[in-house]
Amino acid sequence: MPPKNRRNLNALYPDSLPVKVTTLPPLIPHNPISLCQYAYALLLGPFISGFKQPVRYTASLEKTSDSVSSYVSGIFVESEQDMQALWRSGFFGKGSQSRSDPTWELRVVKRLNIPGREGMLAPEELTARRREARKRMKNERALAEAATTLGREIAAPALISDVAPVEIANEKLQVAEQVMAKKARAEDENLLDSNGNIRRLERLEITPQEAFFLTYALDVLDIYDDHTGDFVSAPHLLGLLMPDWRPDNEFILKYVVYHHYRSHGWCIRNGVKFGVDYLLYRRGPPFSHAEYGIVILPLYSDERRNQDSRRDWAWISGVNRIVGGVKKTLIMCYVEVPECIDTWHTVEELLKSYKVREISFKRWMPSRNRD
């Protein structure tokens, strides 16, 4: 019987994108029954199940002004429901008070012993439990190896496999509570309102590339200017995110790559902690580690500009050692930069002027790559 706190990841994260897709039955031309089923689902299905409005999400755009101009300082989702929906349907954004998953409120509830969510565990608590179990297993393995080396028995605790599963679960839970438990701090008094409810201080911070993808490509996100309250359309948002309109603007280069991999079904996340631009997941962070690290490099038609922007071998080798050390594959993603983008009429025409080339880069090791 699975542990009580074990989550069903497939049920918790059922969709790869925050859109609802209706699946039609297979259409087999030589099978009359399949034709009837297809026509029924296509024509009569909406009238029976009802016409449902597509789900939309709301975000606020914050701008910062200096002596020269104003620029976008952040795009945030305020609603708790929208935050959870965008994270669980494609892993968009990052909690402003969390490492990734917006779990700040849940952690505060458990730390302050507020009743109502006693049975829930935050991802940080699950990570602490796994680390403690891994640490104990390593200690037991070290004792067993020492006993074998010395040729005599060493008093060691029972292996995890010899302990009843219920005892293991109870011990892990106690360890997790000890690791995650913290004393109430002075500033905790400001976290509760007059009714004893937690103030909503966490927001979902989404990157400019994620915001534009949700606004333009999926058309599920409505962005409003935080100062004026006006709706920001996709072309207007593009003008705010790349005001200089250079063909090699950092935003447009990163968005072209982001759109490319999202359209191929990959979950793409920021890769700054590993020295790369993006990390690629098959499904998302809760399911497995990232498999690829993406480095974005512009590719110009002018060879002199390519020489000026080219990364040296020492930099490439250093990034590859970091990415390879965490069991990922480095991909050099070259974006062909057009000479001019002033003549575009639609966002689609602008994106079509860019092309993406990919090169998988691996370190060759004689002991491992002989075959």
Protein backbone atom coordinates (compact mmCIF):
# COMPACT_ATOMS: atom_id res chain seq x y z
CA MET A 1 0.00 0.00 0.00
CA PRO A 2 1.54 3.37 -1.03
CA PRO A 3 2.39 5.91 1.68
CA LYS A 4 -0.40 8.22 2.73
CA ASN A 5 1.46 11.39 1.70
CA ARG A 6 2.62 10.05 -1.65
CA ARG A 7 1.35 12.25 -4.46
CA ASN A 8 0.08 11.05 -7.79
CA LEU A 9 2.10 13.30 -10.09
CA ASN A 10 0.07 12.43 -13.15
CA ALA A 11 -3.12 13.54 -11.42
CA LEU A 12 -1.50 16.64 -9.90
CA TYR A 13 0.09 17.75 -13.18
CA PRO A 14 -2.22 16.37 -15.89
CA ASP A 15 -1.62 18.99 -18.62
CA SER A 16 1.57 20.13 -20.32
CA LEU A 17 0.05 23.51 -21.23
CA PRO A 18 -2.72 25.65 -19.65
CA VAL A 19 -5.16 24.95 -22.47
CA LYS A 20 -8.04 22.51 -22.72
CA VAL A 21 -7.95 20.19 -25.73
CA THR A 22 -10.86 18.03 -26.89
CA THR A 23 -9.84 14.72 -28.43
CA LEU A 24 -11.86 13.53 -31.41
CA PRO A 25 -12.32 9.80 -32.07
CA PRO A 26 -10.15 8.21 -34.77
CA LEU A 27 -11.37 8.71 -38.33
CA ILE A 28 -11.13 5.53 -40.46
CA PRO A 29 -12.45 6.16 -44.00
CA HIS A 30 -13.39 2.54 -44.75
CA ASN A 31 -15.21 2.10 -41.43
CA PRO A 32 -18.74 3.64 -41.47
CA ILE A 33 -19.05 3.43 -37.67
CA SER A 34 -15.95 5.59 -37.16
CA LEU A 35 -17.39 8.17 -39.59
CA CYS A 36 -20.58 8.36 -37.52
CA GLN A 37 -18.64 8.68 -34.25
CA TYR A 38 -16.44 11.41 -35.69
CA ALA A 39 -19.40 13.39 -37.05
CA TYR A 40 -21.26 13.00 -33.75
CA ALA A 41 -18.32 14.26 -31.70
CA LEU A 42 -17.60 17.12 -34.11
CA LEU A 43 -21.13 18.42 -34.69
CA LEU A 44 -23.29 17.37 -31.76
CA GLY A 45 -20.71 17.12 -28.98
CA PRO A 46 -20.69 20.85 -28.06
CA PHE A 47 -24.50 20.97 -27.88
CA ILE A 48 -24.63 18.01 -25.48
CA SER A 49 -21.67 18.81 -23.23
CA GLY A 50 -22.26 22.56 -23.42
CA PHE A 51 -20.18 25.40 -24.80
CA LYS A 52 -17.41 26.16 -22.32
CA GLN A 53 -15.51 29.41 -22.30
CA PRO A 54 -11.73 28.98 -22.45
CA VAL A 55 -9.96 29.57 -19.17
CA ARG A 56 -8.06 32.86 -19.00
CA TYR A 57 -5.51 34.11 -16.52
CA THR A 58 -4.61 37.63 -15.40
CA ALA A 59 -1.21 39.20 -14.75
CA SER A 60 0.05 42.66 -13.91
CA LEU A 61 2.97 44.38 -15.62
CA GLU A 62 5.21 46.59 -13.52
CA LYS A 63 7.46 49.23 -15.06
CA THR A 64 10.42 51.13 -13.66
CA SER A 65 11.48 54.54 -14.95
CA ASP A 66 14.90 56.14 -14.86
CA SER A 67 16.31 59.39 -16.21
CA VAL A 68 16.41 58.04 -19.76
CA SER A 69 13.42 55.74 -20.29
CA SER A 70 11.10 53.23 -18.67
CA TYR A 71 11.38 49.47 -18.87
CA VAL A 72 9.52 46.40 -17.68
CA SER A 73 10.70 45.39 -14.21
CA GLY A 74 8.47 42.34 -13.75
CA ILE A 75 5.29 40.51 -14.71
CA PHE A 76 3.35 38.93 -11.84
CA VAL A 77 0.28 36.76 -11.34
CA GLU A 78 -1.59 37.69 -8.16
CA SER A 79 -4.47 35.22 -7.99
CA GLU A 80 -3.79 32.07 -6.00
CA GLN A 81 -5.94 30.03 -8.38
CA ASP A 82 -4.12 31.35 -11.45
CA MET A 83 -0.74 30.76 -9.80
CA GLN A 84 -1.47 27.11 -9.12
CA ALA A 85 -3.05 26.58 -12.55
CA LEU A 86 -0.10 28.05 -14.47
CA TRP A 87 2.42 26.07 -12.42
CA ARG A 88 0.58 22.77 -12.63
CA SER A 89 -0.13 23.15 -16.37
CA GLY A 90 3.28 23.60 -17.89
CA PHE A 91 5.36 24.83 -14.92
CA PHE A 92 5.25 28.50 -15.81
CA GLY A 93 6.75 31.10 -13.52
CA LYS A 94 8.34 31.00 -10.08
CA GLY A 95 6.98 31.82 -6.66
CA SER A 96 8.36 35.14 -5.44
CA GLN A 97 8.88 33.64 -1.95
CA SER A 98 9.80 30.12 -3.09
CA ARG A 99 12.47 28.37 -5.10
CA SER A 100 10.06 27.39 -7.88
CA ASP A 101 6.68 25.97 -6.88
CA PRO A 102 4.66 28.74 -5.09
CA THR A 103 4.44 26.98 -1.71
CA TRP A 104 5.21 29.89 0.63
CA GLU A 105 1.72 30.00 2.13
CA LEU A 106 1.70 26.25 2.78
CA ARG A 107 5.09 26.42 4.51
CA VAL A 108 3.99 29.34 6.68
CA VAL A 109 0.79 27.50 7.67
CA LYS A 110 2.79 24.49 8.83
CA ARG A 111 5.45 26.57 10.57
CA LEU A 112 2.90 28.62 12.51
CA ASN A 113 0.79 25.52 13.28
CA ILE A 114 -2.34 27.00 11.73
CA PRO A 115 -5.01 24.25 11.52
CA GLY A 116 -6.48 23.23 8.20
CA ARG A 117 -3.60 21.71 6.21
CA GLU A 118 -2.03 19.24 8.60
CA GLY A 119 -1.86 16.40 6.08
CA MET A 120 -0.13 18.32 3.29
CA LEU A 121 3.62 18.39 2.68
CA ALA A 122 5.47 21.09 0.80
CA PRO A 123 8.03 20.06 -1.84
CA GLU A 124 10.81 21.34 0.43
CA GLU A 125 9.66 18.92 3.14
CA LEU A 126 9.63 16.00 0.73
CA THR A 127 13.14 16.94 -0.38
CA ALA A 128 14.30 17.00 3.26
CA ARG A 129 12.85 13.54 3.80
CA ARG A 130 14.64 12.13 0.76
CA ARG A 131 17.94 13.70 1.78
CA GLU A 132 17.73 12.28 5.29
CA ALA A 133 16.94 8.81 3.96
CA ARG A 134 19.82 9.07 1.48
CA LYS A 135 22.21 10.23 4.22
CA ARG A 136 21.27 7.29 6.44
CA MET A 137 21.72 4.84 3.59
CA LYS A 138 25.19 6.22 2.83
CA ASN A 139 26.24 5.88 6.47
CA GLU A 140 25.06 2.28 6.60
CA ARG A 141 26.87 1.50 3.37
CA ALA A 142 30.09 3.03 4.70
CA LEU A 143 29.84 0.90 7.86
CA ALA A 144 29.25 -2.24 5.81
CA GLU A 145 32.27 -1.50 3.58
CA ALA A 146 34.45 -0.84 6.64
CA ALA A 147 33.35 -4.14 8.17
CA THR A 148 34.26 -6.00 4.98
CA THR A 149 37.65 -4.29 4.76
CA LEU A 150 38.62 -5.01 8.38
CA GLY A 151 37.34 -8.57 8.22
CA ARG A 152 35.22 -8.27 11.32
CA GLU A 153 31.73 -7.28 12.18
CA ILE A 154 30.95 -3.74 13.17
CA ALA A 155 27.86 -2.93 15.15
CA ALA A 156 25.67 -1.09 12.69
CA PRO A 157 22.01 -0.16 12.66
CA ALA A 158 19.63 -2.32 10.70
CA LEU A 159 19.43 -1.63 7.01
CA ILE A 160 16.45 0.26 5.73
CA SER A 161 15.21 -2.83 3.91
CA ASP A 162 15.07 -4.72 7.23
CA VAL A 163 12.82 -2.17 8.92
CA ALA A 164 9.07 -2.28 8.60
CA PRO A 165 7.71 0.25 6.02
CA VAL A 166 5.49 1.85 8.66
CA GLU A 167 8.48 2.49 10.93
CA ILE A 168 10.41 4.00 8.02
CA ALA A 169 7.55 6.35 7.17
CA ASN A 170 7.18 7.45 10.79
CA GLU A 171 10.90 8.04 11.17
CA LYS A 172 11.10 10.04 7.93
CA LEU A 173 8.17 12.17 9.01
CA GLN A 174 9.81 12.89 12.36
CA VAL A 175 13.06 13.83 10.65
CA ALA A 176 11.22 16.09 8.21
CA GLU A 177 9.42 17.84 11.04
CA GLN A 178 12.71 18.42 12.85
CA VAL A 179 14.40 19.74 9.72
CA MET A 180 11.56 22.03 8.63
CA ALA A 181 10.41 23.18 12.08
CA LYS A 182 11.37 26.73 12.92
CA LYS A 183 10.57 29.00 15.79
CA ALA A 184 8.17 31.85 15.28
CA ARG A 185 9.95 35.05 14.33
CA ALA A 186 9.11 38.62 15.25
CA GLU A 187 8.03 39.47 11.70
CA ASP A 188 5.53 36.60 11.75
CA GLU A 189 3.06 38.90 13.47
CA ASN A 190 2.76 40.89 10.24
CA LEU A 191 1.85 37.77 8.27
CA LEU A 192 -1.64 37.51 9.79
CA ASP A 193 -4.53 39.92 9.40
CA SER A 194 -7.05 40.89 12.09
CA ASN A 195 -9.05 37.71 11.44
CA GLY A 196 -6.03 35.43 11.85
CA ASN A 197 -5.75 34.64 8.13
CA ILE A 198 -2.44 34.68 6.29
CA ARG A 199 -1.83 37.72 4.12
CA ARG A 200 -1.13 36.88 0.50
CA LEU A 201 2.45 38.03 0.04
CA GLU A 202 3.58 35.58 -2.61
CA ARG A 203 3.13 36.20 -6.31
CA LEU A 204 3.99 34.12 -9.34
CA GLU A 205 6.76 35.86 -11.23
CA ILE A 206 6.83 34.91 -14.90
CA THR A 207 9.68 35.72 -17.25
CA PRO A 208 9.15 37.99 -20.28
CA GLN A 209 9.45 34.99 -22.60
CA GLU A 210 6.82 33.04 -20.66
CA ALA A 211 4.49 36.05 -20.56
CA PHE A 212 4.72 36.62 -24.30
CA PHE A 213 4.25 32.92 -25.04
CA LEU A 214 1.11 32.77 -22.90
CA THR A 215 -0.19 36.02 -24.44
CA TYR A 216 0.68 35.55 -28.09
CA ALA A 217 1.11 31.83 -28.77
CA LEU A 218 -1.57 30.41 -26.43
CA ASP A 219 -3.73 33.52 -25.94
CA VAL A 220 -4.67 32.56 -22.39
CA LEU A 221 -3.05 35.40 -20.40
CA ASP A 222 -4.43 38.94 -20.04
CA ILE A 223 -1.77 41.42 -18.95
CA TYR A 224 -2.66 44.82 -17.50
CA ASP A 225 -0.41 47.78 -16.82
CA ASP A 226 -0.01 48.12 -13.06
CA HIS A 227 0.05 51.95 -13.21
CA THR A 228 -2.67 52.75 -15.75
CA GLY A 229 -4.78 49.58 -15.57
CA ASP A 230 -4.86 49.38 -19.38
CA PHE A 231 -4.87 46.07 -21.20
CA VAL A 232 -1.54 45.25 -22.88
CA SER A 233 -1.93 43.47 -26.22
CA ALA A 234 0.68 41.10 -27.65
CA PRO A 235 2.20 43.65 -30.13
CA HIS A 236 2.28 46.32 -27.42
CA LEU A 237 3.91 43.88 -25.00
CA LEU A 238 6.52 43.06 -27.62
CA GLY A 239 7.32 46.76 -27.98
CA LEU A 240 7.72 47.11 -24.21
CA LEU A 241 10.01 44.09 -23.92
CA MET A 242 12.33 45.09 -26.81
CA PRO A 243 12.14 48.89 -27.13
CA ASP A 244 15.34 49.24 -29.17
CA TRP A 245 14.09 46.92 -31.96
CA ARG A 246 17.52 45.50 -32.63
CA PRO A 247 17.38 42.17 -34.52
CA ASP A 248 19.74 40.65 -31.94
CA ASN A 249 17.84 41.96 -28.92
CA GLU A 250 18.27 39.59 -25.97
CA PHE A 251 14.53 39.17 -25.49
CA ILE A 252 13.70 38.19 -29.06
CA LEU A 253 16.63 35.75 -29.27
CA LYS A 254 15.60 34.00 -26.07
CA TYR A 255 11.92 34.01 -27.04
CA VAL A 256 12.58 32.43 -30.44
CA VAL A 257 14.36 29.55 -28.69
CA TYR A 258 11.68 29.36 -25.98
CA HIS A 259 8.89 29.22 -28.57
CA HIS A 260 10.80 26.63 -30.59
CA TYR A 261 11.14 24.13 -27.76
CA ARG A 262 7.70 24.75 -26.24
CA SER A 263 6.12 24.10 -29.62
CA HIS A 264 7.93 20.73 -29.69
CA GLY A 265 6.46 19.68 -26.34
CA TRP A 266 9.43 20.37 -24.07
CA CYS A 267 9.12 21.97 -20.65
CA ILE A 268 11.67 24.78 -20.64
CA ARG A 269 12.96 26.48 -17.50
CA ASN A 270 15.62 29.02 -16.60
CA GLY A 271 19.11 27.48 -16.48
CA VAL A 272 21.15 30.21 -14.80
CA LYS A 273 22.11 27.94 -11.87
CA PHE A 274 24.03 25.71 -14.30
CA GLY A 275 25.51 28.53 -16.38
CA VAL A 276 23.17 28.05 -19.37
CA ASP A 277 20.22 29.96 -20.75
CA TYR A 278 17.58 27.23 -20.50
CA LEU A 279 17.01 23.73 -19.16
CA LEU A 280 14.86 21.22 -21.03
CA TYR A 281 12.59 18.75 -19.21
CA ARG A 282 10.57 16.03 -20.86
CA ARG A 283 7.58 16.67 -18.58
CA GLY A 284 8.65 18.97 -15.75
CA PRO A 285 10.77 19.33 -12.60
CA PRO A 286 8.60 17.07 -10.35
CA PHE A 287 8.90 14.12 -12.76
CA SER A 288 12.64 14.04 -13.51
CA HIS A 289 15.77 16.12 -13.78
CA ALA A 290 16.45 18.23 -16.85
CA GLU A 291 18.08 16.35 -19.70
CA TYR A 292 19.57 19.21 -21.71
CA GLY A 293 21.19 22.58 -21.09
CA ILE A 294 20.68 25.19 -23.81
CA VAL A 295 23.19 27.93 -24.67
CA ILE A 296 21.89 30.56 -27.10
CA LEU A 297 24.34 32.02 -29.61
CA PRO A 298 23.47 34.59 -32.32
CA LEU A 299 24.48 33.81 -35.88
CA TYR A 300 24.88 36.79 -38.23
CA SER A 301 25.23 36.99 -41.97
CA ASP A 302 28.28 39.23 -41.44
CA GLU A 303 31.27 37.07 -40.55
CA ARG A 304 32.97 39.95 -38.74
CA ARG A 305 30.09 40.21 -36.28
CA ASN A 306 30.24 36.45 -35.76
CA GLN A 307 33.92 36.77 -34.86
CA ASP A 308 33.13 39.52 -32.34
CA SER A 309 30.33 37.55 -30.64
CA ARG A 310 32.01 34.15 -30.74
CA ARG A 311 32.67 32.45 -27.39
CA ASP A 312 36.16 31.12 -26.82
CA TRP A 313 37.01 27.48 -26.24
CA ALA A 314 37.74 27.94 -22.53
CA TRP A 315 34.20 29.24 -21.94
CA ILE A 316 32.59 26.39 -23.89
CA SER A 317 34.70 23.79 -22.08
CA GLY A 318 33.83 25.28 -18.68
CA VAL A 319 30.08 25.29 -19.36
CA ASN A 320 30.24 21.77 -20.73
CA ARG A 321 32.04 20.52 -17.62
CA ILE A 322 29.34 22.05 -15.40
CA VAL A 323 26.49 20.65 -17.49
CA GLY A 324 28.16 17.25 -17.83
CA GLY A 325 28.83 17.11 -14.10
CA VAL A 326 25.08 17.16 -13.42
CA LYS A 327 24.41 14.49 -16.08
CA LYS A 328 22.97 16.77 -18.75
CA THR A 329 23.78 17.26 -22.42
CA LEU A 330 24.88 20.67 -23.66
CA ILE A 331 23.13 21.98 -26.77
CA MET A 332 24.54 24.94 -28.65
CA CYS A 333 21.47 26.70 -30.07
CA TYR A 334 22.37 29.08 -32.90
CA VAL A 335 19.76 31.67 -33.85
CA GLU A 336 20.11 33.13 -37.35
CA VAL A 337 19.62 36.88 -36.93
CA PRO A 338 18.01 38.77 -39.83
CA GLU A 339 19.62 41.99 -41.00
CA CYS A 340 16.50 44.09 -40.47
CA ILE A 341 13.13 43.62 -38.73
CA ASP A 342 11.57 47.03 -39.44
CA THR A 343 9.36 45.75 -42.27
CA TRP A 344 7.31 43.21 -40.32
CA HIS A 345 3.54 43.68 -40.13
CA THR A 346 2.57 40.89 -37.74
CA VAL A 347 4.31 39.06 -34.91
CA GLU A 348 4.16 35.87 -36.97
CA GLU A 349 6.16 37.52 -39.78
CA LEU A 350 8.73 38.70 -37.28
CA LEU A 351 9.23 35.23 -35.81
CA LYS A 352 9.48 33.63 -39.26
CA SER A 353 12.51 35.78 -40.04
CA TYR A 354 14.51 33.88 -37.37
CA LYS A 355 15.82 30.35 -37.76
CA VAL A 356 17.17 27.96 -35.11
CA ARG A 357 20.05 25.51 -35.50
CA GLU A 358 21.05 23.03 -32.82
CA ILE A 359 24.32 21.25 -32.14
CA SER A 360 24.64 18.65 -29.40
CA PHE A 361 27.99 19.10 -27.66
CA LYS A 362 29.52 16.29 -25.62
CA ARG A 363 32.88 15.80 -23.99
CA TRP A 364 34.79 12.96 -25.60
CA MET A 365 36.39 10.61 -23.05
CA PRO A 366 38.63 7.75 -24.26
CA SER A 367 37.57 5.45 -21.42
CA ARG A 368 33.85 5.81 -22.16
CA ASN A 369 33.61 6.54 -25.90
CA ARG A 370 35.73 3.76 -27.40
CA ASP A 371 32.80 2.06 -29.16
